[in-house]
PDB file of N, CA and C in Angstrom:
ATOM      1  N   MET A   1     -27.146  13.425  34.631  1.00  0.00           N
ATOM      2  CA  MET A   1     -26.282  12.321  34.252  1.00  0.00           C
ATOM      3  C   MET A   1     -26.570  11.988  32.793  1.00  0.00           C
ATOM      4  N   SER A   2     -25.525  12.016  31.928  1.00  0.00           N
ATOM      5  CA  SER A   2     -25.835  11.817  30.531  1.00  0.00           C
ATOM      6  C   SER A   2     -24.962  10.790  29.821  1.00  0.00           C
ATOM      7  N   THR A   3     -23.791  10.500  30.310  1.00  0.00           N
ATOM      8  CA  THR A   3     -22.948   9.573  29.570  1.00  0.00           C
ATOM      9  C   THR A   3     -22.469   8.437  30.450  1.00  0.00           C
ATOM     10  N   LEU A   4     -22.115   7.365  29.778  1.00  0.00           N
ATOM     11  CA  LEU A   4     -21.556   6.221  30.499  1.00  0.00           C
ATOM     12  C   LEU A   4     -20.231   6.582  31.156  1.00  0.00           C
ATOM     13  N   GLU A   5     -19.473   7.497  30.530  1.00  0.00           N
ATOM     14  CA  GLU A   5     -18.196   7.898  31.110  1.00  0.00           C
ATOM     15  C   GLU A   5     -18.394   8.580  32.466  1.00  0.00           C
ATOM     16  N   GLU A   6     -19.415   9.444  32.560  1.00  0.00           N
ATOM     17  CA  GLU A   6     -19.677  10.116  33.833  1.00  0.00           C
ATOM     18  C   GLU A   6     -20.091   9.118  34.898  1.00  0.00           C
ATOM     19  N   VAL A   7     -20.898   8.129  34.512  1.00  0.00           N
ATOM     20  CA  VAL A   7     -21.299   7.097  35.473  1.00  0.00           C
ATOM     21  C   VAL A   7     -20.071   6.320  35.921  1.00  0.00           C
ATOM     22  N   GLY A   8     -19.209   5.988  34.966  1.00  0.00           N
ATOM     23  CA  GLY A   8     -17.987   5.271  35.313  1.00  0.00           C
ATOM     24  C   GLY A   8     -17.107   6.058  36.250  1.00  0.00           C
ATOM     25  N   GLU A   9     -17.010   7.368  36.026  1.00  0.00           N
ATOM     26  CA  GLU A   9     -16.212   8.212  36.924  1.00  0.00           C
ATOM     27  C   GLU A   9     -16.785   8.205  38.335  1.00  0.00           C
ATOM     28  N   LYS A  10     -18.106   8.252  38.474  1.00  0.00           N
ATOM     29  CA  LYS A  10     -18.718   8.226  39.803  1.00  0.00           C
ATOM     30  C   LYS A  10     -18.454   6.887  40.484  1.00  0.00           C
ATOM     31  N   ILE A  11     -18.490   5.818  39.729  1.00  0.00           N
ATOM     32  CA  ILE A  11     -18.201   4.501  40.299  1.00  0.00           C
ATOM     33  C   ILE A  11     -16.762   4.475  40.811  1.00  0.00           C
ATOM     34  N   LEU A  12     -15.822   5.005  40.005  1.00  0.00           N
ATOM     35  CA  LEU A  12     -14.426   5.015  40.429  1.00  0.00           C
ATOM     36  C   LEU A  12     -14.221   5.877  41.667  1.00  0.00           C
ATOM     37  N   VAL A  13     -14.919   7.009  41.743  1.00  0.00           N
ATOM     38  CA  VAL A  13     -14.815   7.861  42.928  1.00  0.00           C
ATOM     39  C   VAL A  13     -15.285   7.106  44.162  1.00  0.00           C
ATOM     40  N   CYS A  14     -16.385   6.385  44.037  1.00  0.00           N
ATOM     41  CA  CYS A  14     -16.892   5.603  45.167  1.00  0.00           C
ATOM     42  C   CYS A  14     -15.893   4.528  45.571  1.00  0.00           C
ATOM     43  N   LEU A  15     -15.320   3.851  44.588  1.00  0.00           N
ATOM     44  CA  LEU A  15     -14.372   2.785  44.900  1.00  0.00           C
ATOM     45  C   LEU A  15     -13.087   3.346  45.502  1.00  0.00           C
ATOM     46  N   ASP A  16     -12.608   4.484  44.972  1.00  0.00           N
ATOM     47  CA  ASP A  16     -11.378   5.085  45.487  1.00  0.00           C
ATOM     48  C   ASP A  16     -11.548   5.610  46.909  1.00  0.00           C
ATOM     49  N   SER A  17     -12.732   6.078  47.237  1.00  0.00           N
ATOM     50  CA  SER A  17     -12.944   6.629  48.577  1.00  0.00           C
ATOM     51  C   SER A  17     -13.144   5.537  49.621  1.00  0.00           C
ATOM     52  N   GLY A  18     -13.250   4.301  49.178  1.00  0.00           N
ATOM     53  CA  GLY A  18     -13.415   3.204  50.123  1.00  0.00           C
ATOM     54  C   GLY A  18     -14.843   2.990  50.559  1.00  0.00           C
ATOM     55  N   VAL A  19     -15.788   3.644  49.912  1.00  0.00           N
ATOM     56  CA  VAL A  19     -17.200   3.471  50.268  1.00  0.00           C
ATOM     57  C   VAL A  19     -17.644   2.099  49.788  1.00  0.00           C
ATOM     58  N   ALA A  20     -18.218   1.346  50.692  1.00  0.00           N
ATOM     59  CA  ALA A  20     -18.732   0.025  50.320  1.00  0.00           C
ATOM     60  C   ALA A  20     -20.055   0.212  49.592  1.00  0.00           C
ATOM     61  N   VAL A  21     -20.129  -0.321  48.394  1.00  0.00           N
ATOM     62  CA  VAL A  21     -21.344  -0.177  47.592  1.00  0.00           C
ATOM     63  C   VAL A  21     -22.061  -1.523  47.634  1.00  0.00           C
ATOM     64  N   SER A  22     -22.939  -1.661  48.580  1.00  0.00           N
ATOM     65  CA  SER A  22     -23.697  -2.898  48.693  1.00  0.00           C
ATOM     66  C   SER A  22     -24.982  -2.764  47.893  1.00  0.00           C
ATOM     67  N   PRO A  23     -25.614  -3.868  47.550  1.00  0.00           N
ATOM     68  CA  PRO A  23     -26.859  -3.795  46.783  1.00  0.00           C
ATOM     69  C   PRO A  23     -27.963  -3.033  47.516  1.00  0.00           C
ATOM     70  N   GLN A  24     -27.860  -2.899  48.828  1.00  0.00           N
ATOM     71  CA  GLN A  24     -28.901  -2.205  49.579  1.00  0.00           C
ATOM     72  C   GLN A  24     -28.620  -0.709  49.738  1.00  0.00           C
ATOM     73  N   SER A  25     -27.441  -0.256  49.369  1.00  0.00           N
ATOM     74  CA  SER A  25     -27.078   1.131  49.646  1.00  0.00           C
ATOM     75  C   SER A  25     -27.722   2.104  48.661  1.00  0.00           C
ATOM     76  N   ALA A  26     -27.836   3.357  49.098  1.00  0.00           N
ATOM     77  CA  ALA A  26     -28.400   4.401  48.255  1.00  0.00           C
ATOM     78  C   ALA A  26     -27.479   4.710  47.079  1.00  0.00           C
ATOM     79  N   ILE A  27     -26.162   4.586  47.294  1.00  0.00           N
ATOM     80  CA  ILE A  27     -25.206   4.826  46.215  1.00  0.00           C
ATOM     81  C   ILE A  27     -25.419   3.806  45.107  1.00  0.00           C
ATOM     82  N   HIS A  28     -25.622   2.559  45.487  1.00  0.00           N
ATOM     83  CA  HIS A  28     -25.861   1.506  44.501  1.00  0.00           C
ATOM     84  C   HIS A  28     -27.093   1.838  43.665  1.00  0.00           C
ATOM     85  N   ASP A  29     -28.170   2.286  44.319  1.00  0.00           N
ATOM     86  CA  ASP A  29     -29.398   2.636  43.601  1.00  0.00           C
ATOM     87  C   ASP A  29     -29.162   3.829  42.676  1.00  0.00           C
ATOM     88  N   TYR A  30     -28.416   4.816  43.170  1.00  0.00           N
ATOM     89  CA  TYR A  30     -28.124   5.996  42.371  1.00  0.00           C
ATOM     90  C   TYR A  30     -27.318   5.623  41.128  1.00  0.00           C
ATOM     91  N   LEU A  31     -26.279   4.818  41.323  1.00  0.00           N
ATOM     92  CA  LEU A  31     -25.441   4.417  40.199  1.00  0.00           C
ATOM     93  C   LEU A  31     -26.211   3.565  39.199  1.00  0.00           C
ATOM     94  N   ARG A  32     -27.060   2.691  39.669  1.00  0.00           N
ATOM     95  CA  ARG A  32     -27.858   1.861  38.783  1.00  0.00           C
ATOM     96  C   ARG A  32     -28.805   2.727  37.939  1.00  0.00           C
ATOM     97  N   ALA A  33     -29.439   3.725  38.564  1.00  0.00           N
ATOM     98  CA  ALA A  33     -30.342   4.620  37.839  1.00  0.00           C
ATOM     99  C   ALA A  33     -29.574   5.469  36.830  1.00  0.00           C
ATOM    100  N   ALA A  34     -28.384   5.950  37.224  1.00  0.00           N
ATOM    101  CA  ALA A  34     -27.579   6.766  36.322  1.00  0.00           C
ATOM    102  C   ALA A  34     -27.101   5.944  35.124  1.00  0.00           C
ATOM    103  N   LEU A  35     -26.730   4.709  35.373  1.00  0.00           N
ATOM    104  CA  LEU A  35     -26.296   3.835  34.293  1.00  0.00           C
ATOM    105  C   LEU A  35     -27.452   3.539  33.345  1.00  0.00           C
ATOM    106  N   ALA A  36     -28.619   3.273  33.860  1.00  0.00           N
ATOM    107  CA  ALA A  36     -29.788   3.018  33.022  1.00  0.00           C
ATOM    108  C   ALA A  36     -30.113   4.237  32.168  1.00  0.00           C
ATOM    109  N   GLU A  37     -30.026   5.440  32.766  1.00  0.00           N
ATOM    110  CA  GLU A  37     -30.294   6.670  32.022  1.00  0.00           C
ATOM    111  C   GLU A  37     -29.282   6.863  30.898  1.00  0.00           C
ATOM    112  N   ALA A  38     -28.005   6.618  31.186  1.00  0.00           N
ATOM    113  CA  ALA A  38     -26.964   6.777  30.178  1.00  0.00           C
ATOM    114  C   ALA A  38     -27.137   5.774  29.047  1.00  0.00           C
ATOM    115  N   GLU A  39     -27.495   4.542  29.370  1.00  0.00           N
ATOM    116  CA  GLU A  39     -27.720   3.533  28.334  1.00  0.00           C
ATOM    117  C   GLU A  39     -28.921   3.897  27.463  1.00  0.00           C
ATOM    118  N   ALA A  40     -29.970   4.432  28.069  1.00  0.00           N
ATOM    119  CA  ALA A  40     -31.154   4.840  27.310  1.00  0.00           C
ATOM    120  C   ALA A  40     -30.804   5.960  26.340  1.00  0.00           C
ATOM    121  N   GLN A  41     -29.983   6.912  26.780  1.00  0.00           N
ATOM    122  CA  GLN A  41     -29.580   8.001  25.896  1.00  0.00           C
ATOM    123  C   GLN A  41     -28.699   7.484  24.769  1.00  0.00           C
ATOM    124  N   ALA A  42     -27.828   6.536  25.071  1.00  0.00           N
ATOM    125  CA  ALA A  42     -26.954   5.983  24.043  1.00  0.00           C
ATOM    126  C   ALA A  42     -27.775   5.251  22.991  1.00  0.00           C
ATOM    127  N   ASP A  43     -28.841   4.557  23.415  1.00  0.00           N
ATOM    128  CA  ASP A  43     -29.698   3.860  22.461  1.00  0.00           C
ATOM    129  C   ASP A  43     -30.512   4.833  21.622  1.00  0.00           C
ATOM    130  N   ALA A  44     -30.858   6.000  22.184  1.00  0.00           N
ATOM    131  CA  ALA A  44     -31.692   6.967  21.478  1.00  0.00           C
ATOM    132  C   ALA A  44     -30.919   7.726  20.405  1.00  0.00           C
ATOM    133  N   GLU A  45     -29.607   7.889  20.572  1.00  0.00           N
ATOM    134  CA  GLU A  45     -28.809   8.635  19.611  1.00  0.00           C
ATOM    135  C   GLU A  45     -28.449   7.741  18.429  1.00  0.00           C
ATOM    136  N   PRO A  46     -28.736   8.171  17.198  1.00  0.00           N
ATOM    137  CA  PRO A  46     -28.383   7.347  16.040  1.00  0.00           C
ATOM    138  C   PRO A  46     -26.870   7.332  15.831  1.00  0.00           C
ATOM    139  N   CYS A  47     -26.373   6.221  15.358  1.00  0.00           N
ATOM    140  CA  CYS A  47     -24.938   6.088  15.149  1.00  0.00           C
ATOM    141  C   CYS A  47     -24.503   6.721  13.832  1.00  0.00           C
ATOM    142  N   CYS A  48     -25.452   6.923  12.922  1.00  0.00           N
ATOM    143  CA  CYS A  48     -25.112   7.500  11.632  1.00  0.00           C
ATOM    144  C   CYS A  48     -26.352   8.142  11.022  1.00  0.00           C
ATOM    145  N   ASP A  49     -26.148   8.813   9.916  1.00  0.00           N
ATOM    146  CA  ASP A  49     -27.274   9.398   9.190  1.00  0.00           C
ATOM    147  C   ASP A  49     -28.006   8.244   8.516  1.00  0.00           C
ATOM    148  N   SER A  50     -29.183   7.914   8.988  1.00  0.00           N
ATOM    149  CA  SER A  50     -29.845   6.688   8.540  1.00  0.00           C
ATOM    150  C   SER A  50     -30.831   6.890   7.400  1.00  0.00           C
ATOM    151  N   ARG A  51     -30.759   8.026   6.731  1.00  0.00           N
ATOM    152  CA  ARG A  51     -31.633   8.213   5.574  1.00  0.00           C
ATOM    153  C   ARG A  51     -31.142   7.338   4.430  1.00  0.00           C
ATOM    154  N   ILE A  52     -32.049   6.627   3.807  1.00  0.00           N
ATOM    155  CA  ILE A  52     -31.693   5.776   2.677  1.00  0.00           C
ATOM    156  C   ILE A  52     -31.894   6.585   1.404  1.00  0.00           C
ATOM    157  N   GLU A  53     -30.861   6.597   0.583  1.00  0.00           N
ATOM    158  CA  GLU A  53     -30.927   7.333  -0.666  1.00  0.00           C
ATOM    159  C   GLU A  53     -30.763   6.362  -1.814  1.00  0.00           C
ATOM    160  N   LYS A  54     -31.502   6.561  -2.875  1.00  0.00           N
ATOM    161  CA  LYS A  54     -31.459   5.665  -4.029  1.00  0.00           C
ATOM    162  C   LYS A  54     -30.752   6.339  -5.191  1.00  0.00           C
ATOM    163  N   ASN A  55     -30.162   5.515  -6.034  1.00  0.00           N
ATOM    164  CA  ASN A  55     -29.517   5.948  -7.278  1.00  0.00           C
ATOM    165  C   ASN A  55     -28.407   6.963  -7.070  1.00  0.00           C
ATOM    166  N   VAL A  56     -27.614   6.783  -6.040  1.00  0.00           N
ATOM    167  CA  VAL A  56     -26.439   7.630  -5.821  1.00  0.00           C
ATOM    168  C   VAL A  56     -25.258   6.929  -6.484  1.00  0.00           C
ATOM    169  N   PRO A  57     -24.635   7.556  -7.482  1.00  0.00           N
ATOM    170  CA  PRO A  57     -23.549   6.881  -8.207  1.00  0.00           C
ATOM    171  C   PRO A  57     -22.298   6.738  -7.348  1.00  0.00           C
ATOM    172  N   LEU A  58     -21.566   5.679  -7.607  1.00  0.00           N
ATOM    173  CA  LEU A  58     -20.279   5.472  -6.939  1.00  0.00           C
ATOM    174  C   LEU A  58     -19.269   6.475  -7.482  1.00  0.00           C
ATOM    175  N   PRO A  59     -18.332   6.932  -6.665  1.00  0.00           N
ATOM    176  CA  PRO A  59     -17.302   7.823  -7.184  1.00  0.00           C
ATOM    177  C   PRO A  59     -16.425   7.083  -8.189  1.00  0.00           C
ATOM    178  N   ALA A  60     -15.853   7.818  -9.108  1.00  0.00           N
ATOM    179  CA  ALA A  60     -14.986   7.212 -10.119  1.00  0.00           C
ATOM    180  C   ALA A  60     -13.779   6.579  -9.441  1.00  0.00           C
ATOM    181  N   ARG A  61     -13.400   5.430  -9.929  1.00  0.00           N
ATOM    182  CA  ARG A  61     -12.251   4.727  -9.366  1.00  0.00           C
ATOM    183  C   ARG A  61     -10.962   5.410  -9.814  1.00  0.00           C
ATOM    184  N   HIS A  62     -10.102   5.653  -8.858  1.00  0.00           N
ATOM    185  CA  HIS A  62      -8.828   6.316  -9.140  1.00  0.00           C
ATOM    186  C   HIS A  62      -7.843   5.272  -9.622  1.00  0.00           C
ATOM    187  N   LYS A  63      -7.328   5.470 -10.812  1.00  0.00           N
ATOM    188  CA  LYS A  63      -6.351   4.536 -11.351  1.00  0.00           C
ATOM    189  C   LYS A  63      -4.967   5.154 -11.207  1.00  0.00           C
ATOM    190  N   ALA A  64      -4.107   4.463 -10.511  1.00  0.00           N
ATOM    191  CA  ALA A  64      -2.758   4.973 -10.286  1.00  0.00           C
ATOM    192  C   ALA A  64      -1.964   4.945 -11.594  1.00  0.00           C
ATOM    193  N   LEU A  65      -1.140   5.927 -11.766  1.00  0.00           N
ATOM    194  CA  LEU A  65      -0.284   5.962 -12.942  1.00  0.00           C
ATOM    195  C   LEU A  65       0.815   4.927 -12.783  1.00  0.00           C
ATOM    196  N   ALA A  66       1.159   4.283 -13.885  1.00  0.00           N
ATOM    197  CA  ALA A  66       2.192   3.252 -13.852  1.00  0.00           C
ATOM    198  C   ALA A  66       3.535   3.893 -13.539  1.00  0.00           C
ATOM    199  N   GLN A  67       4.223   3.327 -12.559  1.00  0.00           N
ATOM    200  CA  GLN A  67       5.522   3.863 -12.176  1.00  0.00           C
ATOM    201  C   GLN A  67       6.624   3.275 -13.055  1.00  0.00           C
ATOM    202  N   TYR A  68       6.389   2.065 -13.566  1.00  0.00           N
ATOM    203  CA  TYR A  68       7.374   1.373 -14.393  1.00  0.00           C
ATOM    204  C   TYR A  68       6.714   0.984 -15.717  1.00  0.00           C
ATOM    205  N   PRO A  69       7.493   0.867 -16.791  1.00  0.00           N
ATOM    206  CA  PRO A  69       6.915   0.633 -18.119  1.00  0.00           C
ATOM    207  C   PRO A  69       6.675  -0.840 -18.467  1.00  0.00           C
ATOM    208  N   PHE A  70       6.278  -1.661 -17.519  1.00  0.00           N
ATOM    209  CA  PHE A  70       6.129  -3.093 -17.775  1.00  0.00           C
ATOM    210  C   PHE A  70       5.114  -3.384 -18.882  1.00  0.00           C
ATOM    211  N   ALA A  71       3.996  -2.660 -18.913  1.00  0.00           N
ATOM    212  CA  ALA A  71       2.920  -2.940 -19.867  1.00  0.00           C
ATOM    213  C   ALA A  71       3.355  -2.701 -21.313  1.00  0.00           C
ATOM    214  N   SER A  72       4.248  -1.762 -21.537  1.00  0.00           N
ATOM    215  CA  SER A  72       4.651  -1.453 -22.908  1.00  0.00           C
ATOM    216  C   SER A  72       5.925  -2.181 -23.337  1.00  0.00           C
ATOM    217  N   MET A  73       6.474  -3.013 -22.475  1.00  0.00           N
ATOM    218  CA  MET A  73       7.712  -3.726 -22.807  1.00  0.00           C
ATOM    219  C   MET A  73       7.426  -4.971 -23.627  1.00  0.00           C
ATOM    220  N   GLU A  74       8.303  -5.215 -24.603  1.00  0.00           N
ATOM    221  CA  GLU A  74       8.259  -6.450 -25.378  1.00  0.00           C
ATOM    222  C   GLU A  74       9.425  -7.317 -24.948  1.00  0.00           C
ATOM    223  N   SER A  75       9.419  -8.557 -25.368  1.00  0.00           N
ATOM    224  CA  SER A  75      10.486  -9.484 -25.004  1.00  0.00           C
ATOM    225  C   SER A  75      11.826  -8.930 -25.470  1.00  0.00           C
ATOM    226  N   GLY A  76      12.807  -8.881 -24.568  1.00  0.00           N
ATOM    227  CA  GLY A  76      14.129  -8.364 -24.872  1.00  0.00           C
ATOM    228  C   GLY A  76      14.318  -6.908 -24.483  1.00  0.00           C
ATOM    229  N   ASP A  77      13.245  -6.183 -24.203  1.00  0.00           N
ATOM    230  CA  ASP A  77      13.350  -4.780 -23.787  1.00  0.00           C
ATOM    231  C   ASP A  77      13.841  -4.695 -22.347  1.00  0.00           C
ATOM    232  N   SER A  78      14.478  -3.567 -22.013  1.00  0.00           N
ATOM    233  CA  SER A  78      14.941  -3.357 -20.640  1.00  0.00           C
ATOM    234  C   SER A  78      14.878  -1.873 -20.312  1.00  0.00           C
ATOM    235  N   PHE A  79      14.960  -1.581 -19.021  1.00  0.00           N
ATOM    236  CA  PHE A  79      15.070  -0.200 -18.564  1.00  0.00           C
ATOM    237  C   PHE A  79      15.960  -0.168 -17.340  1.00  0.00           C
ATOM    238  N   SER A  80      16.528   1.012 -17.112  1.00  0.00           N
ATOM    239  CA  SER A  80      17.455   1.196 -16.007  1.00  0.00           C
ATOM    240  C   SER A  80      16.755   1.910 -14.862  1.00  0.00           C
ATOM    241  N   VAL A  81      17.164   1.587 -13.643  1.00  0.00           N
ATOM    242  CA  VAL A  81      16.611   2.226 -12.458  1.00  0.00           C
ATOM    243  C   VAL A  81      17.761   2.456 -11.475  1.00  0.00           C
ATOM    244  N   SER A  82      17.698   3.569 -10.738  1.00  0.00           N
ATOM    245  CA  SER A  82      18.778   3.874  -9.793  1.00  0.00           C
ATOM    246  C   SER A  82      18.843   2.794  -8.713  1.00  0.00           C
ATOM    247  N   ILE A  83      20.021   2.603  -8.177  1.00  0.00           N
ATOM    248  CA  ILE A  83      20.255   1.512  -7.224  1.00  0.00           C
ATOM    249  C   ILE A  83      19.432   1.675  -5.952  1.00  0.00           C
ATOM    250  N   ASP A  84      19.129   2.925  -5.554  1.00  0.00           N
ATOM    251  CA  ASP A  84      18.356   3.115  -4.335  1.00  0.00           C
ATOM    252  C   ASP A  84      16.881   2.723  -4.531  1.00  0.00           C
ATOM    253  N   LYS A  85      16.424   2.633  -5.779  1.00  0.00           N
ATOM    254  CA  LYS A  85      15.052   2.212  -6.055  1.00  0.00           C
ATOM    255  C   LYS A  85      14.991   0.840  -6.720  1.00  0.00           C
ATOM    256  N   PHE A  86      16.129   0.175  -6.792  1.00  0.00           N
ATOM    257  CA  PHE A  86      16.218  -1.093  -7.512  1.00  0.00           C
ATOM    258  C   PHE A  86      15.402  -2.201  -6.853  1.00  0.00           C
ATOM    259  N   VAL A  87      15.477  -2.326  -5.535  1.00  0.00           N
ATOM    260  CA  VAL A  87      14.756  -3.396  -4.836  1.00  0.00           C
ATOM    261  C   VAL A  87      13.250  -3.232  -5.029  1.00  0.00           C
ATOM    262  N   ARG A  88      12.777  -2.019  -4.934  1.00  0.00           N
ATOM    263  CA  ARG A  88      11.343  -1.759  -5.128  1.00  0.00           C
ATOM    264  C   ARG A  88      10.917  -2.088  -6.565  1.00  0.00           C
ATOM    265  N   ALA A  89      11.731  -1.707  -7.544  1.00  0.00           N
ATOM    266  CA  ALA A  89      11.424  -1.996  -8.946  1.00  0.00           C
ATOM    267  C   ALA A  89      11.475  -3.501  -9.211  1.00  0.00           C
ATOM    268  N   ARG A  90      12.412  -4.186  -8.599  1.00  0.00           N
ATOM    269  CA  ARG A  90      12.517  -5.643  -8.755  1.00  0.00           C
ATOM    270  C   ARG A  90      11.278  -6.331  -8.206  1.00  0.00           C
ATOM    271  N   ASN A  91      10.811  -5.912  -7.039  1.00  0.00           N
ATOM    272  CA  ASN A  91       9.589  -6.482  -6.465  1.00  0.00           C
ATOM    273  C   ASN A  91       8.372  -6.177  -7.340  1.00  0.00           C
ATOM    274  N   ALA A  92       8.316  -4.961  -7.880  1.00  0.00           N
ATOM    275  CA  ALA A  92       7.208  -4.589  -8.758  1.00  0.00           C
ATOM    276  C   ALA A  92       7.222  -5.431 -10.031  1.00  0.00           C
ATOM    277  N   ALA A  93       8.397  -5.683 -10.591  1.00  0.00           N
ATOM    278  CA  ALA A  93       8.508  -6.512 -11.792  1.00  0.00           C
ATOM    279  C   ALA A  93       8.046  -7.938 -11.502  1.00  0.00           C
ATOM    280  N   SER A  94       8.429  -8.461 -10.357  1.00  0.00           N
ATOM    281  CA  SER A  94       8.012  -9.810  -9.981  1.00  0.00           C
ATOM    282  C   SER A  94       6.499  -9.903  -9.858  1.00  0.00           C
ATOM    283  N   GLN A  95       5.887  -8.955  -9.166  1.00  0.00           N
ATOM    284  CA  GLN A  95       4.435  -8.967  -8.985  1.00  0.00           C
ATOM    285  C   GLN A  95       3.703  -8.762 -10.312  1.00  0.00           C
ATOM    286  N   TYR A  96       4.186  -7.839 -11.134  1.00  0.00           N
ATOM    287  CA  TYR A  96       3.549  -7.591 -12.429  1.00  0.00           C
ATOM    288  C   TYR A  96       3.642  -8.839 -13.312  1.00  0.00           C
ATOM    289  N   GLY A  97       4.808  -9.469 -13.286  1.00  0.00           N
ATOM    290  CA  GLY A  97       4.991 -10.684 -14.072  1.00  0.00           C
ATOM    291  C   GLY A  97       4.059 -11.805 -13.643  1.00  0.00           C
ATOM    292  N   LYS A  98       3.871 -11.983 -12.353  1.00  0.00           N
ATOM    293  CA  LYS A  98       2.969 -13.027 -11.851  1.00  0.00           C
ATOM    294  C   LYS A  98       1.536 -12.759 -12.269  1.00  0.00           C
ATOM    295  N   ARG A  99       1.113 -11.499 -12.219  1.00  0.00           N
ATOM    296  CA  ARG A  99      -0.270 -11.155 -12.567  1.00  0.00           C
ATOM    297  C   ARG A  99      -0.553 -11.238 -14.059  1.00  0.00           C
ATOM    298  N   HIS A 100       0.477 -10.981 -14.888  1.00  0.00           N
ATOM    299  CA  HIS A 100       0.253 -10.883 -16.327  1.00  0.00           C
ATOM    300  C   HIS A 100       0.966 -11.964 -17.131  1.00  0.00           C
ATOM    301  N   GLY A 101       1.512 -12.970 -16.466  1.00  0.00           N
ATOM    302  CA  GLY A 101       2.150 -14.083 -17.169  1.00  0.00           C
ATOM    303  C   GLY A 101       3.418 -13.689 -17.909  1.00  0.00           C
ATOM    304  N   MET A 102       4.205 -12.791 -17.338  1.00  0.00           N
ATOM    305  CA  MET A 102       5.465 -12.359 -17.948  1.00  0.00           C
ATOM    306  C   MET A 102       6.621 -12.723 -17.038  1.00  0.00           C
ATOM    307  N   ARG A 103       7.828 -12.786 -17.634  1.00  0.00           N
ATOM    308  CA  ARG A 103       9.021 -13.035 -16.835  1.00  0.00           C
ATOM    309  C   ARG A 103       9.987 -11.875 -17.002  1.00  0.00           C
ATOM    310  N   PHE A 104      10.579 -11.472 -15.886  1.00  0.00           N
ATOM    311  CA  PHE A 104      11.552 -10.391 -15.882  1.00  0.00           C
ATOM    312  C   PHE A 104      12.821 -10.867 -15.204  1.00  0.00           C
ATOM    313  N   VAL A 105      13.954 -10.315 -15.637  1.00  0.00           N
ATOM    314  CA  VAL A 105      15.241 -10.555 -14.985  1.00  0.00           C
ATOM    315  C   VAL A 105      15.756  -9.204 -14.512  1.00  0.00           C
ATOM    316  N   CYS A 106      16.220  -9.170 -13.277  1.00  0.00           N
ATOM    317  CA  CYS A 106      16.691  -7.926 -12.675  1.00  0.00           C
ATOM    318  C   CYS A 106      18.132  -8.122 -12.232  1.00  0.00           C
ATOM    319  N   LYS A 107      19.006  -7.244 -12.700  1.00  0.00           N
ATOM    320  CA  LYS A 107      20.434  -7.350 -12.357  1.00  0.00           C
ATOM    321  C   LYS A 107      20.979  -5.993 -11.948  1.00  0.00           C
ATOM    322  N   ASN A 108      21.872  -6.028 -10.966  1.00  0.00           N
ATOM    323  CA  ASN A 108      22.605  -4.839 -10.566  1.00  0.00           C
ATOM    324  C   ASN A 108      23.742  -4.676 -11.565  1.00  0.00           C
ATOM    325  N   THR A 109      23.782  -3.568 -12.285  1.00  0.00           N
ATOM    326  CA  THR A 109      24.791  -3.384 -13.324  1.00  0.00           C
ATOM    327  C   THR A 109      26.123  -2.877 -12.776  1.00  0.00           C
ATOM    328  N   GLY A 110      26.171  -2.507 -11.498  1.00  0.00           N
ATOM    329  CA  GLY A 110      27.421  -2.127 -10.866  1.00  0.00           C
ATOM    330  C   GLY A 110      27.817  -0.674 -11.048  1.00  0.00           C
ATOM    331  N   ASP A 111      27.093   0.090 -11.803  1.00  0.00           N
ATOM    332  CA  ASP A 111      27.432   1.494 -12.025  1.00  0.00           C
ATOM    333  C   ASP A 111      26.475   2.418 -11.277  1.00  0.00           C
ATOM    334  N   GLY A 112      25.986   1.964 -10.140  1.00  0.00           N
ATOM    335  CA  GLY A 112      25.045   2.766  -9.355  1.00  0.00           C
ATOM    336  C   GLY A 112      23.624   2.667  -9.868  1.00  0.00           C
ATOM    337  N   ALA A 113      23.394   1.653 -10.693  1.00  0.00           N
ATOM    338  CA  ALA A 113      22.057   1.451 -11.258  1.00  0.00           C
ATOM    339  C   ALA A 113      21.787  -0.036 -11.397  1.00  0.00           C
ATOM    340  N   GLY A 114      20.542  -0.354 -11.661  1.00  0.00           N
ATOM    341  CA  GLY A 114      20.146  -1.721 -11.950  1.00  0.00           C
ATOM    342  C   GLY A 114      19.354  -1.715 -13.236  1.00  0.00           C
ATOM    343  N   ARG A 115      19.213  -2.875 -13.838  1.00  0.00           N
ATOM    344  CA  ARG A 115      18.492  -2.971 -15.099  1.00  0.00           C
ATOM    345  C   ARG A 115      17.501  -4.121 -15.000  1.00  0.00           C
ATOM    346  N   ILE A 116      16.331  -3.903 -15.606  1.00  0.00           N
ATOM    347  CA  ILE A 116      15.275  -4.916 -15.616  1.00  0.00           C
ATOM    348  C   ILE A 116      14.946  -5.240 -17.055  1.00  0.00           C
ATOM    349  N   TRP A 117      15.063  -6.547 -17.401  1.00  0.00           N
ATOM    350  CA  TRP A 117      14.765  -7.027 -18.736  1.00  0.00           C
ATOM    351  C   TRP A 117      13.478  -7.864 -18.723  1.00  0.00           C
ATOM    352  N   ARG A 118      12.714  -7.753 -19.806  1.00  0.00           N
ATOM    353  CA  ARG A 118      11.570  -8.644 -19.966  1.00  0.00           C
ATOM    354  C   ARG A 118      12.027  -9.820 -20.812  1.00  0.00           C
ATOM    355  N   LEU A 119      11.773 -11.053 -20.331  1.00  0.00           N
ATOM    356  CA  LEU A 119      12.163 -12.250 -21.058  1.00  0.00           C
ATOM    357  C   LEU A 119      11.034 -12.769 -21.936  1.00  0.00           C
ATOM    358  N   GLU A 120       9.852 -12.893 -21.413  1.00  0.00           N
ATOM    359  CA  GLU A 120       8.720 -13.455 -22.162  1.00  0.00           C
ATOM    360  C   GLU A 120       7.592 -12.476 -22.202  1.00  0.00           C
TER     361      GLU A 120
END
């Protein structure tokens, strides 16, 4: 008997067969011993590699490439984006503006595209 799953399966077999498992029965003693053995094995197995290592550098942080040119825009600048990506670009402009203290205006130009202007 080695795992809690196997002990659980034996318990289910006993219950499905209609065997009464009283505290005095041999099955009860067997299941209790099997459960104790499985718990002891679970405690003995380490959950992870527990060696402590010193001075291991963190991996370099991956910086995503800018999808939109918000950082290089000056007041009055604008860019066009296709209408199928307009909502995503509008949300990105709003979030970028909130983080960096800028204001953007986003309008559907009606020609299958949208345009985003920087105001401040």
